[in-house]
PDB file of N, CA and C in Angstrom:
ATOM      1  N   MET A   1       4.844 104.794  99.635  1.00  0.00           N
ATOM      2  CA  MET A   1       4.402 103.375  99.687  1.00  0.00           C
ATOM      3  C   MET A   1       5.623 102.388  99.605  1.00  0.00           C
ATOM      4  N   LYS A   2       6.612 102.864  98.822  1.00  0.00           N
ATOM      5  CA  LYS A   2       7.864 101.993  98.660  1.00  0.00           C
ATOM      6  C   LYS A   2       8.561 101.888 100.043  1.00  0.00           C
ATOM      7  N   TYR A   3       8.588 102.921 100.793  1.00  0.00           N
ATOM      8  CA  TYR A   3       9.258 102.819 102.106  1.00  0.00           C
ATOM      9  C   TYR A   3       8.552 101.872 103.081  1.00  0.00           C
ATOM     10  N   SER A   4       7.242 101.789 102.996  1.00  0.00           N
ATOM     11  CA  SER A   4       6.477 101.016 103.967  1.00  0.00           C
ATOM     12  C   SER A   4       6.805  99.508 103.696  1.00  0.00           C
ATOM     13  N   ALA A   5       6.930  99.114 102.399  1.00  0.00           N
ATOM     14  CA  ALA A   5       7.293  97.775 101.996  1.00  0.00           C
ATOM     15  C   ALA A   5       8.640  97.343 102.465  1.00  0.00           C
ATOM     16  N   VAL A   6       9.568  98.312 102.380  1.00  0.00           N
ATOM     17  CA  VAL A   6      10.957  98.049 102.852  1.00  0.00           C
ATOM     18  C   VAL A   6      10.955  97.943 104.403  1.00  0.00           C
ATOM     19  N   GLY A   7      10.162  98.719 105.025  1.00  0.00           N
ATOM     20  CA  GLY A   7      10.087  98.551 106.522  1.00  0.00           C
ATOM     21  C   GLY A   7       9.438  97.147 106.889  1.00  0.00           C
ATOM     22  N   ILE A   8       8.460  96.743 106.224  1.00  0.00           N
ATOM     23  CA  ILE A   8       7.886  95.459 106.499  1.00  0.00           C
ATOM     24  C   ILE A   8       8.821  94.323 106.288  1.00  0.00           C
ATOM     25  N   VAL A   9       9.589  94.413 105.228  1.00  0.00           N
ATOM     26  CA  VAL A   9      10.511  93.359 104.924  1.00  0.00           C
ATOM     27  C   VAL A   9      11.638  93.366 105.990  1.00  0.00           C
ATOM     28  N   ALA A  10      12.086  94.522 106.480  1.00  0.00           N
ATOM     29  CA  ALA A  10      13.072  94.568 107.538  1.00  0.00           C
ATOM     30  C   ALA A  10      12.500  94.006 108.833  1.00  0.00           C
ATOM     31  N   LEU A  11      11.255  94.301 109.123  1.00  0.00           N
ATOM     32  CA  LEU A  11      10.663  93.831 110.358  1.00  0.00           C
ATOM     33  C   LEU A  11      10.550  92.345 110.309  1.00  0.00           C
ATOM     34  N   LEU A  12      10.151  91.742 109.147  1.00  0.00           N
ATOM     35  CA  LEU A  12      10.015  90.343 109.058  1.00  0.00           C
ATOM     36  C   LEU A  12      11.380  89.613 109.153  1.00  0.00           C
ATOM     37  N   CYS A  13      12.374  90.187 108.526  1.00  0.00           N
ATOM     38  CA  CYS A  13      13.700  89.616 108.586  1.00  0.00           C
ATOM     39  C   CYS A  13      14.233  89.594 110.061  1.00  0.00           C
ATOM     40  N   SER A  14      14.081  90.766 110.819  1.00  0.00           N
ATOM     41  CA  SER A  14      14.425  90.759 112.186  1.00  0.00           C
ATOM     42  C   SER A  14      13.694  89.782 113.001  1.00  0.00           C
ATOM     43  N   PHE A  15      12.403  89.552 112.805  1.00  0.00           N
ATOM     44  CA  PHE A  15      11.557  88.636 113.448  1.00  0.00           C
ATOM     45  C   PHE A  15      12.055  87.211 113.177  1.00  0.00           C
ATOM     46  N   SER A  16      12.362  86.841 111.913  1.00  0.00           N
ATOM     47  CA  SER A  16      12.801  85.535 111.653  1.00  0.00           C
ATOM     48  C   SER A  16      14.156  85.211 112.279  1.00  0.00           C
ATOM     49  N   PHE A  17      15.035  86.229 112.374  1.00  0.00           N
ATOM     50  CA  PHE A  17      16.331  86.015 113.061  1.00  0.00           C
ATOM     51  C   PHE A  17      16.125  85.682 114.544  1.00  0.00           C
ATOM     52  N   GLY A  18      15.089  86.316 115.132  1.00  0.00           N
ATOM     53  CA  GLY A  18      14.811  86.068 116.482  1.00  0.00           C
ATOM     54  C   GLY A  18      14.319  84.665 116.671  1.00  0.00           C
ATOM     55  N   LEU A  19      13.514  84.142 115.764  1.00  0.00           N
ATOM     56  CA  LEU A  19      13.029  82.771 115.781  1.00  0.00           C
ATOM     57  C   LEU A  19      14.183  81.750 115.536  1.00  0.00           C
ATOM     58  N   ALA A  20      15.162  82.149 114.790  1.00  0.00           N
ATOM     59  CA  ALA A  20      16.239  81.232 114.526  1.00  0.00           C
ATOM     60  C   ALA A  20      17.050  80.922 115.810  1.00  0.00           C
ATOM     61  N   GLN A  21      17.014  81.758 116.747  1.00  0.00           N
ATOM     62  CA  GLN A  21      17.653  81.571 118.090  1.00  0.00           C
ATOM     63  C   GLN A  21      16.984  80.548 118.939  1.00  0.00           C
ATOM     64  N   GLN A  22      15.653  80.200 118.645  1.00  0.00           N
ATOM     65  CA  GLN A  22      14.940  79.308 119.427  1.00  0.00           C
ATOM     66  C   GLN A  22      15.174  77.865 119.064  1.00  0.00           C
ATOM     67  N   ASP A  23      15.327  77.032 120.022  1.00  0.00           N
ATOM     68  CA  ASP A  23      15.275  75.548 119.727  1.00  0.00           C
ATOM     69  C   ASP A  23      14.592  74.792 120.799  1.00  0.00           C
ATOM     70  N   ALA A  24      14.437  73.531 120.639  1.00  0.00           N
ATOM     71  CA  ALA A  24      13.632  72.719 121.541  1.00  0.00           C
ATOM     72  C   ALA A  24      14.129  72.879 122.995  1.00  0.00           C
ATOM     73  N   PHE A  25      15.455  72.934 123.156  1.00  0.00           N
ATOM     74  CA  PHE A  25      16.085  73.013 124.500  1.00  0.00           C
ATOM     75  C   PHE A  25      15.718  74.314 125.192  1.00  0.00           C
ATOM     76  N   SER A  26      15.751  75.453 124.456  1.00  0.00           N
ATOM     77  CA  SER A  26      15.519  76.794 125.051  1.00  0.00           C
ATOM     78  C   SER A  26      13.991  76.947 125.337  1.00  0.00           C
ATOM     79  N   ILE A  27      13.188  76.411 124.487  1.00  0.00           N
ATOM     80  CA  ILE A  27      11.695  76.453 124.690  1.00  0.00           C
ATOM     81  C   ILE A  27      11.303  75.685 125.840  1.00  0.00           C
ATOM     82  N   ARG A  28      11.838  74.430 126.014  1.00  0.00           N
ATOM     83  CA  ARG A  28      11.526  73.595 127.091  1.00  0.00           C
ATOM     84  C   ARG A  28      11.959  74.261 128.387  1.00  0.00           C
ATOM     85  N   ASN A  29      13.250  74.857 128.418  1.00  0.00           N
ATOM     86  CA  ASN A  29      13.708  75.441 129.625  1.00  0.00           C
ATOM     87  C   ASN A  29      12.814  76.623 130.130  1.00  0.00           C
ATOM     88  N   LYS A  30      12.255  77.341 129.121  1.00  0.00           N
ATOM     89  CA  LYS A  30      11.316  78.520 129.391  1.00  0.00           C
ATOM     90  C   LYS A  30      10.002  77.994 129.805  1.00  0.00           C
ATOM     91  N   TYR A  31       9.348  77.056 129.056  1.00  0.00           N
ATOM     92  CA  TYR A  31       7.985  76.657 129.259  1.00  0.00           C
ATOM     93  C   TYR A  31       7.783  75.354 129.895  1.00  0.00           C
ATOM     94  N   GLY A  32       8.823  74.537 130.108  1.00  0.00           N
ATOM     95  CA  GLY A  32       8.597  73.186 130.597  1.00  0.00           C
ATOM     96  C   GLY A  32       8.319  72.138 129.511  1.00  0.00           C
ATOM     97  N   ALA A  33       8.071  70.921 130.004  1.00  0.00           N
ATOM     98  CA  ALA A  33       7.871  69.812 129.039  1.00  0.00           C
ATOM     99  C   ALA A  33       6.619  70.058 128.139  1.00  0.00           C
ATOM    100  N   PRO A  34       6.781  69.621 126.958  1.00  0.00           N
ATOM    101  CA  PRO A  34       5.577  69.742 126.008  1.00  0.00           C
ATOM    102  C   PRO A  34       4.438  68.877 126.475  1.00  0.00           C
ATOM    103  N   LEU A  35       3.200  69.178 125.988  1.00  0.00           N
ATOM    104  CA  LEU A  35       2.051  68.371 126.278  1.00  0.00           C
ATOM    105  C   LEU A  35       2.282  67.038 125.568  1.00  0.00           C
ATOM    106  N   ASP A  36       1.775  65.937 126.142  1.00  0.00           N
ATOM    107  CA  ASP A  36       1.776  64.650 125.540  1.00  0.00           C
ATOM    108  C   ASP A  36       0.580  64.606 124.760  1.00  0.00           C
ATOM    109  N   ARG A  37       0.573  65.003 123.420  1.00  0.00           N
ATOM    110  CA  ARG A  37      -0.553  65.169 122.542  1.00  0.00           C
ATOM    111  C   ARG A  37      -0.204  64.605 121.179  1.00  0.00           C
ATOM    112  N   GLU A  38      -1.300  63.929 120.578  1.00  0.00           N
ATOM    113  CA  GLU A  38      -1.169  63.507 119.158  1.00  0.00           C
ATOM    114  C   GLU A  38      -2.390  63.960 118.369  1.00  0.00           C
ATOM    115  N   THR A  39      -2.168  64.253 117.112  1.00  0.00           N
ATOM    116  CA  THR A  39      -3.280  64.585 116.273  1.00  0.00           C
ATOM    117  C   THR A  39      -3.414  63.517 115.219  1.00  0.00           C
ATOM    118  N   PHE A  40      -4.725  63.022 115.016  1.00  0.00           N
ATOM    119  CA  PHE A  40      -5.042  61.944 114.087  1.00  0.00           C
ATOM    120  C   PHE A  40      -6.010  62.472 113.079  1.00  0.00           C
ATOM    121  N   ARG A  41      -5.851  62.080 111.815  1.00  0.00           N
ATOM    122  CA  ARG A  41      -6.809  62.422 110.831  1.00  0.00           C
ATOM    123  C   ARG A  41      -7.776  61.120 110.779  1.00  0.00           C
ATOM    124  N   VAL A  42      -8.990  61.251 111.382  1.00  0.00           N
ATOM    125  CA  VAL A  42      -9.861  60.097 111.445  1.00  0.00           C
ATOM    126  C   VAL A  42     -10.814  59.981 110.316  1.00  0.00           C
ATOM    127  N   ARG A  43     -10.999  61.088 109.586  1.00  0.00           N
ATOM    128  CA  ARG A  43     -11.873  61.162 108.447  1.00  0.00           C
ATOM    129  C   ARG A  43     -11.077  62.182 107.557  1.00  0.00           C
ATOM    130  N   PRO A  44     -11.331  62.116 106.210  1.00  0.00           N
ATOM    131  CA  PRO A  44     -10.651  63.179 105.408  1.00  0.00           C
ATOM    132  C   PRO A  44     -10.845  64.644 105.861  1.00  0.00           C
ATOM    133  N   GLU A  45     -11.977  64.861 106.460  1.00  0.00           N
ATOM    134  CA  GLU A  45     -12.257  66.273 106.914  1.00  0.00           C
ATOM    135  C   GLU A  45     -12.265  66.496 108.453  1.00  0.00           C
ATOM    136  N   ILE A  46     -11.907  65.429 109.123  1.00  0.00           N
ATOM    137  CA  ILE A  46     -11.859  65.568 110.701  1.00  0.00           C
ATOM    138  C   ILE A  46     -10.554  65.099 111.252  1.00  0.00           C
ATOM    139  N   GLU A  47     -10.070  66.048 112.071  1.00  0.00           N
ATOM    140  CA  GLU A  47      -8.873  65.787 112.911  1.00  0.00           C
ATOM    141  C   GLU A  47      -9.315  65.559 114.320  1.00  0.00           C
ATOM    142  N   MET A  48      -8.661  64.637 114.989  1.00  0.00           N
ATOM    143  CA  MET A  48      -8.935  64.420 116.432  1.00  0.00           C
ATOM    144  C   MET A  48      -7.644  64.600 117.194  1.00  0.00           C
ATOM    145  N   VAL A  49      -7.706  65.437 118.184  1.00  0.00           N
ATOM    146  CA  VAL A  49      -6.527  65.682 119.011  1.00  0.00           C
ATOM    147  C   VAL A  49      -6.720  64.982 120.352  1.00  0.00           C
ATOM    148  N   VAL A  50      -5.719  64.104 120.755  1.00  0.00           N
ATOM    149  CA  VAL A  50      -5.730  63.298 121.895  1.00  0.00           C
ATOM    150  C   VAL A  50      -4.651  63.753 122.836  1.00  0.00           C
ATOM    151  N   ASP A  51      -5.113  64.015 124.117  1.00  0.00           N
ATOM    152  CA  ASP A  51      -4.114  64.407 125.110  1.00  0.00           C
ATOM    153  C   ASP A  51      -3.987  63.132 126.093  1.00  0.00           C
ATOM    154  N   TYR A  52      -2.794  62.857 126.488  1.00  0.00           N
ATOM    155  CA  TYR A  52      -2.472  61.704 127.249  1.00  0.00           C
ATOM    156  C   TYR A  52      -2.130  62.155 128.676  1.00  0.00           C
ATOM    157  N   GLY A  53      -2.432  61.338 129.587  1.00  0.00           N
ATOM    158  CA  GLY A  53      -2.012  61.556 131.009  1.00  0.00           C
ATOM    159  C   GLY A  53      -0.925  60.581 131.400  1.00  0.00           C
ATOM    160  N   ALA A  54      -0.806  60.287 132.696  1.00  0.00           N
ATOM    161  CA  ALA A  54       0.087  59.302 133.237  1.00  0.00           C
ATOM    162  C   ALA A  54      -0.086  57.946 132.607  1.00  0.00           C
ATOM    163  N   GLY A  55       0.948  57.220 132.335  1.00  0.00           N
ATOM    164  CA  GLY A  55       0.855  55.939 131.792  1.00  0.00           C
ATOM    165  C   GLY A  55       0.314  55.869 130.390  1.00  0.00           C
ATOM    166  N   LYS A  56       0.340  56.955 129.628  1.00  0.00           N
ATOM    167  CA  LYS A  56      -0.230  57.123 128.246  1.00  0.00           C
ATOM    168  C   LYS A  56      -1.709  56.850 128.178  1.00  0.00           C
ATOM    169  N   GLN A  57      -2.400  57.082 129.219  1.00  0.00           N
ATOM    170  CA  GLN A  57      -3.897  56.880 129.211  1.00  0.00           C
ATOM    171  C   GLN A  57      -4.470  58.103 128.647  1.00  0.00           C
ATOM    172  N   VAL A  58      -5.548  57.954 127.755  1.00  0.00           N
ATOM    173  CA  VAL A  58      -6.178  59.085 127.180  1.00  0.00           C
ATOM    174  C   VAL A  58      -6.882  59.857 128.323  1.00  0.00           C
ATOM    175  N   CYS A  59      -6.666  61.171 128.407  1.00  0.00           N
ATOM    176  CA  CYS A  59      -7.376  61.963 129.386  1.00  0.00           C
ATOM    177  C   CYS A  59      -8.288  62.963 128.705  1.00  0.00           C
ATOM    178  N   ARG A  60      -8.075  63.249 127.394  1.00  0.00           N
ATOM    179  CA  ARG A  60      -9.000  64.219 126.715  1.00  0.00           C
ATOM    180  C   ARG A  60      -8.920  63.968 125.196  1.00  0.00           C
ATOM    181  N   ILE A  61     -10.021  64.053 124.549  1.00  0.00           N
ATOM    182  CA  ILE A  61     -10.155  63.958 123.102  1.00  0.00           C
ATOM    183  C   ILE A  61     -10.862  65.234 122.644  1.00  0.00           C
ATOM    184  N   GLN A  62     -10.220  65.909 121.722  1.00  0.00           N
ATOM    185  CA  GLN A  62     -10.890  67.141 121.135  1.00  0.00           C
ATOM    186  C   GLN A  62     -11.341  66.757 119.699  1.00  0.00           C
ATOM    187  N   LEU A  63     -12.521  67.072 119.395  1.00  0.00           N
ATOM    188  CA  LEU A  63     -13.137  66.955 118.020  1.00  0.00           C
ATOM    189  C   LEU A  63     -13.778  68.238 117.644  1.00  0.00           C
ATOM    190  N   PRO A  64     -13.796  68.494 116.304  1.00  0.00           N
ATOM    191  CA  PRO A  64     -14.533  69.749 115.909  1.00  0.00           C
ATOM    192  C   PRO A  64     -15.986  69.583 116.173  1.00  0.00           C
ATOM    193  N   SER A  65     -16.631  70.685 116.405  1.00  0.00           N
ATOM    194  CA  SER A  65     -18.152  70.617 116.612  1.00  0.00           C
ATOM    195  C   SER A  65     -18.765  70.459 115.214  1.00  0.00           C
ATOM    196  N   GLY A  66     -19.722  69.513 115.208  1.00  0.00           N
ATOM    197  CA  GLY A  66     -20.401  69.296 113.950  1.00  0.00           C
ATOM    198  C   GLY A  66     -21.454  70.328 113.722  1.00  0.00           C
ATOM    199  N   ARG A  67     -21.803  70.593 112.535  1.00  0.00           N
ATOM    200  CA  ARG A  67     -22.856  71.579 112.166  1.00  0.00           C
ATOM    201  C   ARG A  67     -23.991  70.853 111.582  1.00  0.00           C
ATOM    202  N   ARG A  68     -25.223  71.421 111.800  1.00  0.00           N
ATOM    203  CA  ARG A  68     -26.406  71.001 111.063  1.00  0.00           C
ATOM    204  C   ARG A  68     -26.506  71.862 109.860  1.00  0.00           C
ATOM    205  N   TYR A  69     -26.811  71.209 108.736  1.00  0.00           N
ATOM    206  CA  TYR A  69     -26.935  71.883 107.538  1.00  0.00           C
ATOM    207  C   TYR A  69     -28.423  71.735 106.948  1.00  0.00           C
ATOM    208  N   GLY A  70     -28.853  72.734 106.201  1.00  0.00           N
ATOM    209  CA  GLY A  70     -30.175  72.671 105.581  1.00  0.00           C
ATOM    210  C   GLY A  70     -29.869  72.686 104.131  1.00  0.00           C
ATOM    211  N   GLY A  71     -30.655  71.832 103.373  1.00  0.00           N
ATOM    212  CA  GLY A  71     -30.507  71.890 101.830  1.00  0.00           C
ATOM    213  C   GLY A  71     -29.296  70.993 101.498  1.00  0.00           C
ATOM    214  N   VAL A  72     -28.527  71.404 100.533  1.00  0.00           N
ATOM    215  CA  VAL A  72     -27.425  70.604 100.048  1.00  0.00           C
ATOM    216  C   VAL A  72     -26.207  70.717 101.004  1.00  0.00           C
ATOM    217  N   ILE A  73     -25.697  69.578 101.392  1.00  0.00           N
ATOM    218  CA  ILE A  73     -24.566  69.481 102.328  1.00  0.00           C
ATOM    219  C   ILE A  73     -23.259  69.314 101.549  1.00  0.00           C
ATOM    220  N   PRO A  74     -22.286  70.294 101.796  1.00  0.00           N
ATOM    221  CA  PRO A  74     -21.029  70.131 101.119  1.00  0.00           C
ATOM    222  C   PRO A  74     -20.417  68.797 101.541  1.00  0.00           C
ATOM    223  N   GLU A  75     -19.677  68.191 100.537  1.00  0.00           N
ATOM    224  CA  GLU A  75     -19.095  66.890 100.752  1.00  0.00           C
ATOM    225  C   GLU A  75     -18.144  66.862 101.875  1.00  0.00           C
ATOM    226  N   ASP A  76     -17.321  67.931 102.025  1.00  0.00           N
ATOM    227  CA  ASP A  76     -16.325  67.965 103.061  1.00  0.00           C
ATOM    228  C   ASP A  76     -16.774  68.663 104.330  1.00  0.00           C
ATOM    229  N   ALA A  77     -17.999  68.808 104.489  1.00  0.00           N
ATOM    230  CA  ALA A  77     -18.671  69.479 105.678  1.00  0.00           C
ATOM    231  C   ALA A  77     -18.517  68.470 106.936  1.00  0.00           C
ATOM    232  N   VAL A  78     -18.206  69.117 108.086  1.00  0.00           N
ATOM    233  CA  VAL A  78     -18.181  68.298 109.309  1.00  0.00           C
ATOM    234  C   VAL A  78     -19.585  68.465 109.969  1.00  0.00           C
ATOM    235  N   THR A  79     -20.358  67.494 109.709  1.00  0.00           N
ATOM    236  CA  THR A  79     -21.734  67.467 110.198  1.00  0.00           C
ATOM    237  C   THR A  79     -21.896  66.868 111.575  1.00  0.00           C
ATOM    238  N   LYS A  80     -22.957  67.188 112.246  1.00  0.00           N
ATOM    239  CA  LYS A  80     -23.275  66.631 113.584  1.00  0.00           C
ATOM    240  C   LYS A  80     -23.318  65.081 113.472  1.00  0.00           C
ATOM    241  N   GLU A  81     -23.901  64.649 112.302  1.00  0.00           N
ATOM    242  CA  GLU A  81     -24.046  63.164 112.140  1.00  0.00           C
ATOM    243  C   GLU A  81     -22.730  62.520 112.098  1.00  0.00           C
ATOM    244  N   LYS A  82     -21.734  63.089 111.369  1.00  0.00           N
ATOM    245  CA  LYS A  82     -20.396  62.590 111.260  1.00  0.00           C
ATOM    246  C   LYS A  82     -19.737  62.453 112.641  1.00  0.00           C
ATOM    247  N   ILE A  83     -19.785  63.581 113.419  1.00  0.00           N
ATOM    248  CA  ILE A  83     -19.275  63.546 114.681  1.00  0.00           C
ATOM    249  C   ILE A  83     -19.884  62.527 115.615  1.00  0.00           C
ATOM    250  N   ASP A  84     -21.224  62.433 115.603  1.00  0.00           N
ATOM    251  CA  ASP A  84     -21.962  61.380 116.379  1.00  0.00           C
ATOM    252  C   ASP A  84     -21.549  59.971 116.023  1.00  0.00           C
ATOM    253  N   GLU A  85     -21.360  59.759 114.691  1.00  0.00           N
ATOM    254  CA  GLU A  85     -20.873  58.470 114.190  1.00  0.00           C
ATOM    255  C   GLU A  85     -19.460  58.143 114.839  1.00  0.00           C
ATOM    256  N   LEU A  86     -18.547  59.154 114.741  1.00  0.00           N
ATOM    257  CA  LEU A  86     -17.223  58.970 115.251  1.00  0.00           C
ATOM    258  C   LEU A  86     -17.198  58.774 116.762  1.00  0.00           C
ATOM    259  N   LEU A  87     -18.062  59.459 117.532  1.00  0.00           N
ATOM    260  CA  LEU A  87     -18.153  59.210 118.997  1.00  0.00           C
ATOM    261  C   LEU A  87     -18.576  57.922 119.236  1.00  0.00           C
ATOM    262  N   THR A  88     -19.489  57.283 118.567  1.00  0.00           N
ATOM    263  CA  THR A  88     -20.034  55.971 118.724  1.00  0.00           C
ATOM    264  C   THR A  88     -18.821  54.948 118.434  1.00  0.00           C
ATOM    265  N   GLU A  89     -18.027  55.261 117.422  1.00  0.00           N
ATOM    266  CA  GLU A  89     -16.889  54.381 117.153  1.00  0.00           C
ATOM    267  C   GLU A  89     -15.869  54.464 118.328  1.00  0.00           C
ATOM    268  N   LEU A  90     -15.641  55.632 118.868  1.00  0.00           N
ATOM    269  CA  LEU A  90     -14.680  55.849 119.841  1.00  0.00           C
ATOM    270  C   LEU A  90     -15.093  55.233 121.243  1.00  0.00           C
ATOM    271  N   ALA A  91     -16.374  55.380 121.547  1.00  0.00           N
ATOM    272  CA  ALA A  91     -16.947  54.836 122.837  1.00  0.00           C
ATOM    273  C   ALA A  91     -18.240  54.157 122.517  1.00  0.00           C
ATOM    274  N   PRO A  92     -18.182  52.875 122.066  1.00  0.00           N
ATOM    275  CA  PRO A  92     -19.453  52.203 121.747  1.00  0.00           C
ATOM    276  C   PRO A  92     -20.329  52.087 122.997  1.00  0.00           C
ATOM    277  N   VAL A  93     -21.659  51.973 122.814  1.00  0.00           N
ATOM    278  CA  VAL A  93     -22.586  51.872 123.882  1.00  0.00           C
ATOM    279  C   VAL A  93     -22.353  50.681 124.680  1.00  0.00           C
TER     280      VAL A  93
END
């Protein structure tokens, strides 16, 4: 058992040294420019991810899917009603 823990530590150390060689320049060279994306905390329990296109125009908004609950609803639950309210705020009728 003792040897497997040592092996895991050695593996993690070698993995972290490999990551240390990565920087923004090398990652951009390999994968191209990063996505133009921002994350906003629009409610204490809800994060909204916004992707931008040309001219910083919003091209996609990602929200968590709301759930329907029966009985007692946890205070930090992301409900369908909260998501519907947020959508109305983002795109009024």
